[in-house]
Amino acid sequence: MYKKITVLLLMIILPGFFGCSLHSGSTYNRNEMGSPQYFKKGVVVSVRDVEIKGTESGAGAAAGATAGGLAGSTLGGNTATRALGALGGAVIGGVVGHATEDVITSSDASEFIIQPDEGEAYAVVQVNDEELKPGERVLIMDSGKVRIVRDQSTK
C-alpha cells in the first residue's frame, strides 16, 4: 500500500522537474506560438559559459519527505518504532529530495554580450544550441523574453 502511494506521488511530482527547459534560441514553449516577436539585428561581442542554478521550489523535498516517511513507517514491530522510522525517513527523504531537485533542474548555458546595430550593448543568457561565437551577426528577438539566433539574411 505504502509503495503504491509513494510511486504515485513521485510520478506526479517528478515530471515537473524534467519538464523544466532552459531558455534556448531555437526551442519555444507552446504558448509562444503565434505571439508577435519583434527583432533587431546585432553582433555577438563575447560569449562565456555559465551555470544555471537548480530550482528550490520545495517540491523535491516534499516528495522525498513523503516517500521517506512512508517507507520509514514500515520499519519496526510496534507503533513507537514505526513513528520513529517515519520521522527519520521523512527527514532523510526530504534532504535527498531537495538535492535531487537541484541536480535535475541545474544546467549549463552561455552568457552573450550583444551589441545591437542601434542602441546600447546588453547581456542575454540562453543555451548556445547554435554554437554562436563572438563576431557573428544575430537577430535579437523580443516577445517579452529576449533570445538571439544566427542571422541567416543577406543584409
Protein backbone atom coordinates (compact mmCIF):
# COMPACT_ATOMS: atom_id res chain seq x y z
CA MET A 1 0.00 0.00 0.00
CA TYR A 2 2.71 2.49 1.03
CA LYS A 3 4.80 1.65 -2.02
CA LYS A 4 1.87 2.38 -4.33
CA ILE A 5 1.29 5.76 -2.70
CA THR A 6 5.00 6.62 -2.89
CA VAL A 7 5.23 5.66 -6.54
CA LEU A 8 2.07 7.66 -7.34
CA LEU A 9 3.42 10.79 -5.60
CA LEU A 10 6.75 10.54 -7.41
CA MET A 11 5.00 10.04 -10.76
CA ILE A 12 3.02 13.23 -10.17
CA ILE A 13 5.86 15.45 -8.92
CA LEU A 14 9.00 14.36 -10.82
CA PRO A 15 7.72 15.05 -14.37
CA GLY A 16 7.55 18.69 -13.35
CA PHE A 17 11.29 18.68 -12.80
CA PHE A 18 12.03 17.08 -16.15
CA GLY A 19 9.61 19.40 -17.92
CA CYS A 20 11.67 22.43 -16.97
CA SER A 21 13.63 23.51 -20.02
CA LEU A 22 16.25 26.18 -20.34
CA HIS A 23 15.88 29.27 -22.45
CA SER A 24 17.13 28.47 -25.94
CA GLY A 25 17.41 30.29 -29.24
CA SER A 26 15.64 27.54 -31.13
CA THR A 27 13.29 25.91 -28.60
CA TYR A 28 9.97 27.59 -27.95
CA ASN A 29 7.24 26.92 -25.42
CA ARG A 30 3.87 26.01 -26.88
CA ASN A 31 2.29 29.24 -25.60
CA GLU A 32 4.83 31.31 -27.60
CA MET A 33 3.47 30.04 -30.92
CA GLY A 34 1.67 32.75 -32.85
CA SER A 35 2.79 35.51 -30.49
CA PRO A 36 4.33 38.56 -32.17
CA GLN A 37 8.09 38.82 -31.90
CA TYR A 38 9.93 42.00 -32.64
CA PHE A 39 13.54 41.80 -33.74
CA LYS A 40 16.57 43.86 -34.48
CA LYS A 41 19.99 42.96 -35.77
CA GLY A 42 23.26 42.98 -33.90
CA VAL A 43 26.56 41.25 -33.31
CA VAL A 44 27.85 38.93 -30.59
CA VAL A 45 30.63 40.75 -28.70
CA SER A 46 31.53 37.94 -26.29
CA VAL A 47 30.35 34.53 -25.07
CA ARG A 48 31.13 32.81 -21.78
CA ASP A 49 29.86 29.62 -20.20
CA VAL A 50 27.69 29.98 -17.10
CA GLU A 51 25.97 27.57 -14.74
CA ILE A 52 22.22 27.76 -14.18
CA LYS A 53 21.38 27.06 -10.55
CA GLY A 54 18.70 24.43 -9.93
CA THR A 55 15.28 25.33 -8.60
CA GLU A 56 14.45 25.29 -4.92
CA SER A 57 10.68 25.03 -5.12
CA GLY A 58 10.44 22.62 -2.21
CA ALA A 59 8.64 20.03 -4.34
CA GLY A 60 11.67 17.71 -4.31
CA ALA A 61 11.97 17.96 -0.53
CA ALA A 62 8.23 17.38 -0.10
CA ALA A 63 8.21 14.35 -2.41
CA GLY A 64 11.31 12.93 -0.74
CA ALA A 65 9.94 13.51 2.77
CA THR A 66 6.65 11.86 1.84
CA ALA A 67 8.33 8.86 0.27
CA GLY A 68 10.86 8.57 3.11
CA GLY A 69 8.19 8.90 5.78
CA LEU A 70 6.03 6.25 4.19
CA ALA A 71 8.97 3.90 3.74
CA GLY A 72 10.25 4.53 7.27
CA SER A 73 6.84 3.90 8.81
CA THR A 74 7.02 0.27 7.68
CA LEU A 75 10.04 -0.39 9.92
CA GLY A 76 9.67 -1.95 13.35
CA GLY A 77 7.08 -4.01 15.09
CA ASN A 78 5.27 -1.52 17.32
CA THR A 79 3.73 1.93 16.97
CA ALA A 80 6.62 3.83 18.60
CA THR A 81 9.23 2.21 16.34
CA ARG A 82 7.12 2.86 13.23
CA ALA A 83 6.64 6.51 14.26
CA LEU A 84 10.40 6.98 14.74
CA GLY A 85 11.03 5.24 11.42
CA ALA A 86 8.55 7.55 9.70
CA LEU A 87 10.18 10.64 11.24
CA GLY A 88 13.70 9.54 10.32
CA GLY A 89 12.60 8.51 6.84
CA ALA A 90 10.90 11.87 6.29
CA VAL A 91 13.99 13.83 7.31
CA ILE A 92 16.37 11.76 5.19
CA GLY A 93 13.92 11.67 2.28
CA GLY A 94 13.48 15.45 2.43
CA VAL A 95 17.22 16.06 2.25
CA VAL A 96 17.66 13.60 -0.62
CA GLY A 97 14.62 15.01 -2.45
CA HIS A 98 15.92 18.58 -2.14
CA ALA A 99 19.34 17.58 -3.50
CA THR A 100 17.72 15.60 -6.33
CA GLU A 101 15.59 18.58 -7.37
CA ASP A 102 18.68 20.78 -7.50
CA VAL A 103 20.65 18.27 -9.61
CA ILE A 104 17.78 17.60 -12.03
CA THR A 105 16.98 21.28 -12.64
CA SER A 106 20.51 22.75 -12.84
CA SER A 107 22.28 23.02 -16.17
CA ASP A 108 24.85 24.86 -18.28
CA ALA A 109 24.17 27.85 -20.55
CA SER A 110 26.03 30.78 -22.12
CA GLU A 111 26.07 34.48 -21.38
CA PHE A 112 26.20 36.58 -24.54
CA ILE A 113 27.15 40.24 -24.70
CA ILE A 114 25.23 41.58 -27.68
CA GLN A 115 25.76 44.91 -29.46
CA PRO A 116 22.62 45.86 -31.39
CA ASP A 117 23.17 47.84 -34.60
CA GLU A 118 21.41 50.69 -32.79
CA GLY A 119 21.48 51.20 -29.04
CA GLU A 120 23.44 50.05 -26.01
CA ALA A 121 25.03 46.63 -25.58
CA TYR A 122 23.45 44.17 -23.13
CA ALA A 123 23.72 40.60 -21.89
CA VAL A 124 21.47 37.66 -22.71
CA VAL A 125 21.71 34.22 -21.05
CA GLN A 126 20.49 31.21 -23.02
CA VAL A 127 21.58 27.77 -24.19
CA ASN A 128 24.10 28.13 -27.02
CA ASP A 129 22.45 25.49 -29.19
CA GLU A 130 23.58 27.26 -32.39
CA GLU A 131 27.20 27.46 -31.16
CA LEU A 132 27.32 31.22 -31.68
CA LYS A 133 30.75 32.85 -31.46
CA PRO A 134 31.99 36.43 -30.99
CA GLY A 135 31.75 38.48 -34.19
CA GLU A 136 28.72 36.61 -35.57
CA ARG A 137 25.68 38.52 -36.75
CA VAL A 138 22.49 37.71 -34.85
CA LEU A 139 18.82 38.54 -34.79
CA ILE A 140 17.77 39.77 -31.36
CA MET A 141 14.19 38.59 -30.94
CA ASP A 142 11.91 40.06 -28.29
CA SER A 143 8.49 38.77 -27.31
CA GLY A 144 8.79 39.84 -23.69
CA LYS A 145 11.65 37.34 -23.37
CA VAL A 146 14.80 38.10 -25.40
CA ARG A 147 16.54 35.37 -27.39
CA ILE A 148 19.21 35.50 -30.04
CA VAL A 149 19.58 33.42 -33.19
CA ARG A 150 22.08 33.42 -36.05
CA ASP A 151 21.20 35.98 -38.72
CA GLN A 152 20.62 33.97 -41.92
CA SER A 153 19.71 37.03 -44.02
CA THR A 154 21.99 38.64 -46.60
CA LYS A 155 21.62 42.11 -45.03
